[in-house]
Amino acid sequence: MIRVEDFLLFCNRTLDGYERALGRLDDASVNAVPSTGGSTAFQLVTHAIAATHWWTAHHVCGHQVERDRDAEFEAAGTVADASATVAEFRTSLGELAPEIAAAVDVHGAPSTQTPLGQDWTVGACLIHAYEELAQHLGHLELTTDLLTLP
């Protein structure tokens, strides 16, 4: 059983990492592609928050969530914009907590592969939502290192 309090604890700790990484960047570097290629820090934040929001608000809570995944990887903005996205999502997760706790069925069939060859469950959606948030924090930290270390 996944307790909502535990889910929120881990999500919030990971969001703290997003804030730390963004705090190392300026408005130019947050939109810079590392010399090794890949996504910008702004794009990573945009994508990770959008994906995690989509899994929690849409599939777990049943909210209509419009998402343009391709646009997430074209996004640009300031460090303040990216930080606001993180802060807004943190607030949104807190507001969704009662609905997450009450969720018993997945809303809509996610178009991605089924986890471990079985149907999606609320628990699997929550774990995958956190998985998205955590893996992209790692990408963000590596991107930040590539952009800021001599």
N, C-alpha and C. Protein backbone atom coordinates (compact mmCIF):
# COMPACT_ATOMS: atom_id res chain seq x y z
N MET A 1 0.84 -1.18 0.00
CA MET A 1 0.00 0.00 0.00
C MET A 1 0.89 1.25 0.00
N ILE A 2 0.59 2.15 -0.87
CA ILE A 2 1.32 3.42 -0.94
C ILE A 2 0.51 4.47 -0.18
N ARG A 3 1.12 4.99 0.87
CA ARG A 3 0.45 6.06 1.62
C ARG A 3 0.70 7.39 0.91
N VAL A 4 -0.35 8.19 0.81
CA VAL A 4 -0.23 9.49 0.15
C VAL A 4 0.83 10.34 0.83
N GLU A 5 0.88 10.28 2.15
CA GLU A 5 1.88 11.07 2.89
C GLU A 5 3.29 10.69 2.46
N ASP A 6 3.53 9.39 2.24
CA ASP A 6 4.85 8.94 1.80
C ASP A 6 5.14 9.41 0.37
N PHE A 7 4.14 9.29 -0.49
CA PHE A 7 4.28 9.75 -1.87
C PHE A 7 4.63 11.23 -1.90
N LEU A 8 3.89 12.04 -1.13
CA LEU A 8 4.15 13.48 -1.09
C LEU A 8 5.52 13.79 -0.49
N LEU A 9 5.91 13.06 0.54
CA LEU A 9 7.22 13.27 1.15
C LEU A 9 8.33 13.09 0.12
N PHE A 10 8.28 11.98 -0.62
CA PHE A 10 9.33 11.72 -1.59
C PHE A 10 9.27 12.70 -2.76
N CYS A 11 8.07 13.02 -3.22
CA CYS A 11 7.94 14.02 -4.29
C CYS A 11 8.50 15.37 -3.84
N ASN A 12 8.16 15.80 -2.64
CA ASN A 12 8.64 17.09 -2.16
C ASN A 12 10.15 17.11 -1.97
N ARG A 13 10.72 16.01 -1.49
CA ARG A 13 12.19 15.96 -1.39
C ARG A 13 12.83 16.06 -2.76
N THR A 14 12.24 15.43 -3.75
CA THR A 14 12.76 15.49 -5.11
C THR A 14 12.59 16.89 -5.69
N LEU A 15 11.45 17.52 -5.41
CA LEU A 15 11.25 18.90 -5.87
C LEU A 15 12.25 19.85 -5.22
N ASP A 16 12.66 19.57 -3.99
CA ASP A 16 13.73 20.35 -3.36
C ASP A 16 15.00 20.27 -4.21
N GLY A 17 15.28 19.10 -4.77
CA GLY A 17 16.43 18.93 -5.65
C GLY A 17 16.31 19.75 -6.92
N TYR A 18 15.10 19.83 -7.47
CA TYR A 18 14.87 20.68 -8.64
C TYR A 18 15.20 22.13 -8.29
N GLU A 19 14.75 22.59 -7.14
CA GLU A 19 15.02 23.97 -6.73
C GLU A 19 16.51 24.22 -6.53
N ARG A 20 17.22 23.25 -5.94
CA ARG A 20 18.67 23.41 -5.76
C ARG A 20 19.37 23.51 -7.11
N ALA A 21 18.99 22.65 -8.05
CA ALA A 21 19.63 22.68 -9.37
C ALA A 21 19.33 23.99 -10.08
N LEU A 22 18.09 24.43 -10.04
CA LEU A 22 17.74 25.70 -10.68
C LEU A 22 18.47 26.87 -10.05
N GLY A 23 18.73 26.79 -8.76
CA GLY A 23 19.45 27.85 -8.05
C GLY A 23 20.88 28.02 -8.52
N ARG A 24 21.42 27.04 -9.23
CA ARG A 24 22.78 27.11 -9.76
C ARG A 24 22.84 27.71 -11.16
N LEU A 25 21.67 28.00 -11.73
CA LEU A 25 21.62 28.45 -13.12
C LEU A 25 21.18 29.91 -13.21
N ASP A 26 21.48 30.51 -14.36
CA ASP A 26 20.95 31.84 -14.65
C ASP A 26 20.03 31.71 -15.87
N ASP A 27 19.46 32.81 -16.30
CA ASP A 27 18.47 32.75 -17.37
C ASP A 27 19.05 32.27 -18.70
N ALA A 28 20.33 32.48 -18.92
CA ALA A 28 20.94 31.98 -20.16
C ALA A 28 21.21 30.48 -20.04
N SER A 29 21.80 30.06 -18.93
CA SER A 29 22.17 28.65 -18.81
C SER A 29 20.96 27.73 -18.66
N VAL A 30 19.86 28.21 -18.12
CA VAL A 30 18.67 27.36 -17.97
C VAL A 30 18.11 26.97 -19.34
N ASN A 31 18.45 27.73 -20.39
CA ASN A 31 17.99 27.46 -21.75
C ASN A 31 19.11 26.94 -22.66
N ALA A 32 20.26 26.66 -22.09
CA ALA A 32 21.39 26.21 -22.89
C ALA A 32 21.39 24.68 -23.02
N VAL A 33 21.73 24.21 -24.20
CA VAL A 33 21.89 22.78 -24.42
C VAL A 33 23.34 22.44 -24.06
N PRO A 34 23.55 21.44 -23.22
CA PRO A 34 24.93 21.06 -22.88
C PRO A 34 25.73 20.69 -24.13
N SER A 35 27.03 20.81 -24.05
CA SER A 35 27.89 20.51 -25.20
C SER A 35 27.75 19.05 -25.63
N THR A 36 27.29 18.20 -24.74
CA THR A 36 27.10 16.78 -25.05
C THR A 36 25.77 16.52 -25.74
N GLY A 37 24.93 17.56 -25.86
CA GLY A 37 23.61 17.42 -26.46
C GLY A 37 22.55 17.17 -25.41
N GLY A 38 21.35 16.96 -25.86
CA GLY A 38 20.25 16.68 -24.94
C GLY A 38 19.31 17.86 -24.80
N SER A 39 18.59 17.86 -23.69
CA SER A 39 17.60 18.89 -23.41
C SER A 39 18.17 19.96 -22.52
N THR A 40 17.55 21.13 -22.56
CA THR A 40 17.93 22.20 -21.65
C THR A 40 17.36 21.90 -20.26
N ALA A 41 17.87 22.58 -19.27
CA ALA A 41 17.34 22.44 -17.91
C ALA A 41 15.88 22.86 -17.87
N PHE A 42 15.55 23.93 -18.58
CA PHE A 42 14.16 24.39 -18.60
C PHE A 42 13.25 23.33 -19.19
N GLN A 43 13.68 22.69 -20.27
CA GLN A 43 12.89 21.64 -20.90
C GLN A 43 12.73 20.44 -19.97
N LEU A 44 13.79 20.07 -19.26
CA LEU A 44 13.70 18.95 -18.33
C LEU A 44 12.69 19.22 -17.22
N VAL A 45 12.73 20.42 -16.66
CA VAL A 45 11.78 20.78 -15.62
C VAL A 45 10.36 20.76 -16.17
N THR A 46 10.18 21.38 -17.34
CA THR A 46 8.86 21.43 -17.96
C THR A 46 8.32 20.03 -18.19
N HIS A 47 9.13 19.17 -18.76
CA HIS A 47 8.70 17.80 -19.06
C HIS A 47 8.42 17.00 -17.79
N ALA A 48 9.32 17.03 -16.85
CA ALA A 48 9.15 16.22 -15.63
C ALA A 48 7.90 16.62 -14.86
N ILE A 49 7.67 17.91 -14.72
CA ILE A 49 6.49 18.38 -13.99
C ILE A 49 5.23 18.03 -14.76
N ALA A 50 5.24 18.22 -16.07
CA ALA A 50 4.06 17.90 -16.88
C ALA A 50 3.74 16.41 -16.82
N ALA A 51 4.76 15.58 -16.91
CA ALA A 51 4.54 14.13 -16.86
C ALA A 51 4.00 13.70 -15.50
N THR A 52 4.60 14.20 -14.45
CA THR A 52 4.17 13.81 -13.10
C THR A 52 2.76 14.31 -12.83
N HIS A 53 2.48 15.54 -13.27
CA HIS A 53 1.12 16.08 -13.11
C HIS A 53 0.11 15.24 -13.89
N TRP A 54 0.46 14.86 -15.10
CA TRP A 54 -0.43 14.07 -15.94
C TRP A 54 -0.76 12.73 -15.28
N TRP A 55 0.26 12.06 -14.74
CA TRP A 55 0.02 10.77 -14.10
C TRP A 55 -0.83 10.91 -12.84
N THR A 56 -0.58 11.93 -12.06
CA THR A 56 -1.33 12.07 -10.80
C THR A 56 -2.71 12.68 -11.02
N ALA A 57 -2.76 13.84 -11.63
CA ALA A 57 -4.05 14.55 -11.77
C ALA A 57 -4.97 13.84 -12.76
N HIS A 58 -4.43 13.36 -13.87
CA HIS A 58 -5.27 12.75 -14.90
C HIS A 58 -5.59 11.29 -14.59
N HIS A 59 -4.56 10.47 -14.50
CA HIS A 59 -4.81 9.03 -14.38
C HIS A 59 -5.22 8.60 -12.98
N VAL A 60 -4.72 9.25 -11.96
CA VAL A 60 -5.10 8.86 -10.60
C VAL A 60 -6.37 9.59 -10.15
N CYS A 61 -6.44 10.90 -10.40
CA CYS A 61 -7.56 11.69 -9.88
C CYS A 61 -8.69 11.93 -10.88
N GLY A 62 -8.46 11.65 -12.14
CA GLY A 62 -9.52 11.78 -13.13
C GLY A 62 -9.75 13.18 -13.67
N HIS A 63 -8.84 14.09 -13.45
CA HIS A 63 -8.97 15.45 -14.00
C HIS A 63 -8.63 15.43 -15.49
N GLN A 64 -9.27 16.30 -16.23
CA GLN A 64 -8.94 16.46 -17.64
C GLN A 64 -7.63 17.27 -17.70
N VAL A 65 -6.58 16.68 -18.20
CA VAL A 65 -5.29 17.34 -18.29
C VAL A 65 -4.83 17.31 -19.74
N GLU A 66 -4.69 18.49 -20.32
CA GLU A 66 -4.17 18.60 -21.68
C GLU A 66 -2.65 18.65 -21.59
N ARG A 67 -2.01 17.87 -22.44
CA ARG A 67 -0.56 17.81 -22.41
C ARG A 67 -0.03 17.72 -23.84
N ASP A 68 1.01 18.51 -24.13
CA ASP A 68 1.68 18.47 -25.42
C ASP A 68 3.13 18.10 -25.15
N ARG A 69 3.40 16.80 -25.16
CA ARG A 69 4.72 16.29 -24.80
C ARG A 69 5.82 16.88 -25.69
N ASP A 70 5.56 16.99 -26.98
CA ASP A 70 6.57 17.55 -27.88
C ASP A 70 6.92 18.99 -27.50
N ALA A 71 5.92 19.78 -27.14
CA ALA A 71 6.15 21.18 -26.76
C ALA A 71 6.99 21.28 -25.48
N GLU A 72 6.91 20.27 -24.62
CA GLU A 72 7.70 20.29 -23.39
C GLU A 72 9.19 20.34 -23.71
N PHE A 73 9.58 19.73 -24.82
CA PHE A 73 10.99 19.69 -25.21
C PHE A 73 11.39 20.84 -26.13
N GLU A 74 10.49 21.80 -26.29
CA GLU A 74 10.78 23.02 -27.02
C GLU A 74 10.64 24.24 -26.11
N ALA A 75 10.25 24.01 -24.86
CA ALA A 75 9.96 25.10 -23.93
C ALA A 75 11.23 25.89 -23.59
N ALA A 76 11.02 27.17 -23.31
CA ALA A 76 12.10 28.06 -22.88
C ALA A 76 11.50 29.09 -21.94
N GLY A 77 12.35 29.63 -21.08
CA GLY A 77 11.90 30.64 -20.15
C GLY A 77 13.01 31.00 -19.19
N THR A 78 12.65 31.65 -18.13
CA THR A 78 13.64 32.11 -17.15
C THR A 78 13.75 31.10 -16.00
N VAL A 79 14.76 31.28 -15.19
CA VAL A 79 14.90 30.47 -13.98
C VAL A 79 13.67 30.70 -13.09
N ALA A 80 13.21 31.95 -13.01
CA ALA A 80 12.02 32.25 -12.20
C ALA A 80 10.80 31.51 -12.74
N ASP A 81 10.67 31.39 -14.05
CA ASP A 81 9.56 30.64 -14.65
C ASP A 81 9.63 29.17 -14.25
N ALA A 82 10.82 28.58 -14.38
CA ALA A 82 11.00 27.17 -14.03
C ALA A 82 10.75 26.94 -12.55
N SER A 83 11.24 27.85 -11.72
CA SER A 83 11.02 27.74 -10.27
C SER A 83 9.54 27.86 -9.93
N ALA A 84 8.83 28.73 -10.64
CA ALA A 84 7.39 28.88 -10.41
C ALA A 84 6.65 27.61 -10.81
N THR A 85 7.09 26.96 -11.88
CA THR A 85 6.48 25.69 -12.30
C THR A 85 6.63 24.65 -11.20
N VAL A 86 7.81 24.57 -10.61
CA VAL A 86 8.05 23.63 -9.51
C VAL A 86 7.17 23.98 -8.31
N ALA A 87 7.12 25.25 -7.95
CA ALA A 87 6.32 25.67 -6.79
C ALA A 87 4.83 25.41 -7.01
N GLU A 88 4.36 25.72 -8.21
CA GLU A 88 2.94 25.49 -8.52
C GLU A 88 2.61 24.00 -8.46
N PHE A 89 3.51 23.17 -8.96
CA PHE A 89 3.26 21.74 -8.93
C PHE A 89 3.27 21.22 -7.48
N ARG A 90 4.17 21.73 -6.67
CA ARG A 90 4.22 21.32 -5.26
C ARG A 90 2.87 21.64 -4.60
N THR A 91 2.33 22.82 -4.86
CA THR A 91 1.03 23.21 -4.31
C THR A 91 -0.07 22.30 -4.86
N SER A 92 -0.02 22.04 -6.16
CA SER A 92 -1.02 21.18 -6.79
C SER A 92 -1.03 19.79 -6.18
N LEU A 93 0.13 19.23 -5.93
CA LEU A 93 0.20 17.90 -5.30
C LEU A 93 -0.48 17.91 -3.94
N GLY A 94 -0.23 18.94 -3.16
CA GLY A 94 -0.88 19.05 -1.85
C GLY A 94 -2.38 19.13 -1.98
N GLU A 95 -2.85 19.88 -2.97
CA GLU A 95 -4.29 20.00 -3.18
C GLU A 95 -4.92 18.71 -3.68
N LEU A 96 -4.16 17.92 -4.44
CA LEU A 96 -4.66 16.65 -4.95
C LEU A 96 -4.63 15.52 -3.92
N ALA A 97 -3.92 15.73 -2.82
CA ALA A 97 -3.72 14.66 -1.84
C ALA A 97 -5.00 13.95 -1.42
N PRO A 98 -6.09 14.65 -1.08
CA PRO A 98 -7.30 13.92 -0.70
C PRO A 98 -7.86 13.06 -1.83
N GLU A 99 -7.78 13.56 -3.05
CA GLU A 99 -8.26 12.78 -4.19
C GLU A 99 -7.36 11.57 -4.46
N ILE A 100 -6.05 11.76 -4.31
CA ILE A 100 -5.12 10.65 -4.48
C ILE A 100 -5.43 9.58 -3.44
N ALA A 101 -5.66 10.00 -2.20
CA ALA A 101 -5.94 9.06 -1.12
C ALA A 101 -7.23 8.29 -1.37
N ALA A 102 -8.20 8.91 -2.01
CA ALA A 102 -9.49 8.27 -2.26
C ALA A 102 -9.52 7.45 -3.55
N ALA A 103 -8.50 7.57 -4.38
CA ALA A 103 -8.50 6.91 -5.68
C ALA A 103 -8.44 5.39 -5.53
N VAL A 104 -9.29 4.71 -6.26
CA VAL A 104 -9.28 3.25 -6.25
C VAL A 104 -9.10 2.66 -7.65
N ASP A 105 -9.43 3.44 -8.68
CA ASP A 105 -9.31 2.98 -10.06
C ASP A 105 -8.56 4.02 -10.88
N VAL A 106 -7.87 3.54 -11.90
CA VAL A 106 -7.16 4.42 -12.83
C VAL A 106 -8.18 4.98 -13.81
N HIS A 107 -8.06 6.26 -14.09
CA HIS A 107 -8.94 6.94 -15.05
C HIS A 107 -8.27 6.93 -16.41
N GLY A 108 -8.88 6.28 -17.35
CA GLY A 108 -8.30 6.20 -18.69
C GLY A 108 -7.16 5.22 -18.72
N ALA A 109 -6.98 4.61 -19.84
CA ALA A 109 -5.87 3.67 -20.00
C ALA A 109 -4.65 4.42 -20.50
N PRO A 110 -3.59 4.51 -19.69
CA PRO A 110 -2.38 5.18 -20.15
C PRO A 110 -1.91 4.55 -21.46
N SER A 111 -1.45 5.38 -22.37
CA SER A 111 -1.05 4.91 -23.69
C SER A 111 0.35 4.31 -23.70
N THR A 112 0.99 4.29 -22.56
CA THR A 112 2.33 3.70 -22.48
C THR A 112 2.21 2.22 -22.17
N GLN A 113 3.34 1.56 -22.17
CA GLN A 113 3.36 0.13 -21.86
C GLN A 113 2.79 -0.12 -20.47
N THR A 114 2.25 -1.29 -20.28
CA THR A 114 1.74 -1.63 -18.95
C THR A 114 2.91 -2.02 -18.07
N PRO A 115 2.85 -1.68 -16.80
CA PRO A 115 3.97 -2.00 -15.91
C PRO A 115 4.05 -3.50 -15.67
N LEU A 116 5.20 -4.05 -15.90
CA LEU A 116 5.44 -5.47 -15.64
C LEU A 116 4.41 -6.38 -16.30
N GLY A 117 3.86 -5.94 -17.43
CA GLY A 117 2.92 -6.77 -18.16
C GLY A 117 1.55 -6.91 -17.53
N GLN A 118 1.19 -6.03 -16.64
CA GLN A 118 -0.13 -6.08 -16.00
C GLN A 118 -0.86 -4.77 -16.21
N ASP A 119 -2.11 -4.72 -15.83
CA ASP A 119 -2.87 -3.49 -15.96
C ASP A 119 -2.36 -2.43 -15.00
N TRP A 120 -2.55 -1.17 -15.38
CA TRP A 120 -2.19 -0.06 -14.51
C TRP A 120 -3.11 -0.05 -13.29
N THR A 121 -2.53 0.20 -12.14
CA THR A 121 -3.27 0.40 -10.90
C THR A 121 -2.96 1.80 -10.39
N VAL A 122 -3.71 2.26 -9.40
CA VAL A 122 -3.41 3.55 -8.79
C VAL A 122 -1.98 3.55 -8.24
N GLY A 123 -1.61 2.49 -7.55
CA GLY A 123 -0.26 2.40 -7.00
C GLY A 123 0.82 2.45 -8.07
N ALA A 124 0.59 1.72 -9.17
CA ALA A 124 1.57 1.73 -10.26
C ALA A 124 1.68 3.11 -10.88
N CYS A 125 0.56 3.81 -11.02
CA CYS A 125 0.59 5.17 -11.57
C CYS A 125 1.37 6.11 -10.65
N LEU A 126 1.17 5.97 -9.34
CA LEU A 126 1.90 6.83 -8.39
C LEU A 126 3.39 6.54 -8.42
N ILE A 127 3.75 5.27 -8.46
CA ILE A 127 5.17 4.92 -8.52
C ILE A 127 5.76 5.45 -9.83
N HIS A 128 5.05 5.30 -10.92
CA HIS A 128 5.57 5.79 -12.20
C HIS A 128 5.67 7.32 -12.20
N ALA A 129 4.69 7.98 -11.60
CA ALA A 129 4.76 9.45 -11.50
C ALA A 129 6.02 9.86 -10.76
N TYR A 130 6.29 9.20 -9.64
CA TYR A 130 7.50 9.52 -8.89
C TYR A 130 8.75 9.14 -9.69
N GLU A 131 8.69 8.02 -10.39
CA GLU A 131 9.82 7.58 -11.21
C GLU A 131 10.19 8.67 -12.24
N GLU A 132 9.19 9.25 -12.89
CA GLU A 132 9.42 10.33 -13.84
C GLU A 132 10.11 11.52 -13.16
N LEU A 133 9.59 11.90 -12.01
CA LEU A 133 10.13 13.05 -11.29
C LEU A 133 11.57 12.79 -10.87
N ALA A 134 11.85 11.61 -10.34
CA ALA A 134 13.19 11.29 -9.84
C ALA A 134 14.21 11.13 -10.97
N GLN A 135 13.83 10.41 -12.04
CA GLN A 135 14.81 10.19 -13.10
C GLN A 135 15.18 11.51 -13.78
N HIS A 136 14.22 12.40 -13.92
CA HIS A 136 14.53 13.67 -14.57
C HIS A 136 15.26 14.63 -13.64
N LEU A 137 15.16 14.43 -12.33
CA LEU A 137 16.02 15.19 -11.42
C LEU A 137 17.47 14.82 -11.70
N GLY A 138 17.74 13.53 -11.88
CA GLY A 138 19.09 13.10 -12.23
C GLY A 138 19.57 13.75 -13.52
N HIS A 139 18.70 13.77 -14.52
CA HIS A 139 19.06 14.43 -15.78
C HIS A 139 19.34 15.92 -15.57
N LEU A 140 18.48 16.56 -14.76
CA LEU A 140 18.65 17.99 -14.48
C LEU A 140 19.97 18.25 -13.75
N GLU A 141 20.29 17.41 -12.79
CA GLU A 141 21.55 17.61 -12.05
C GLU A 141 22.76 17.43 -12.97
N LEU A 142 22.73 16.42 -13.84
CA LEU A 142 23.84 16.24 -14.79
C LEU A 142 23.93 17.41 -15.76
N THR A 143 22.79 17.85 -16.26
CA THR A 143 22.77 19.00 -17.17
C THR A 143 23.32 20.24 -16.48
N THR A 144 22.90 20.46 -15.25
CA THR A 144 23.39 21.61 -14.48
C THR A 144 24.90 21.53 -14.29
N ASP A 145 25.41 20.33 -13.95
CA ASP A 145 26.85 20.16 -13.80
C ASP A 145 27.57 20.48 -15.11
N LEU A 146 27.07 19.97 -16.23
CA LEU A 146 27.71 20.23 -17.52
C LEU A 146 27.73 21.70 -17.88
N LEU A 147 26.71 22.43 -17.43
CA LEU A 147 26.63 23.85 -17.77
C LEU A 147 27.39 24.76 -16.80
N THR A 148 27.66 24.28 -15.60
CA THR A 148 28.25 25.18 -14.59
C THR A 148 29.65 24.79 -14.14
N LEU A 149 30.05 23.56 -14.31
CA LEU A 149 31.38 23.16 -13.86
C LEU A 149 32.41 23.53 -14.91
N PRO A 150 33.60 23.99 -14.45
CA PRO A 150 34.64 24.39 -15.42
C PRO A 150 35.15 23.23 -16.24
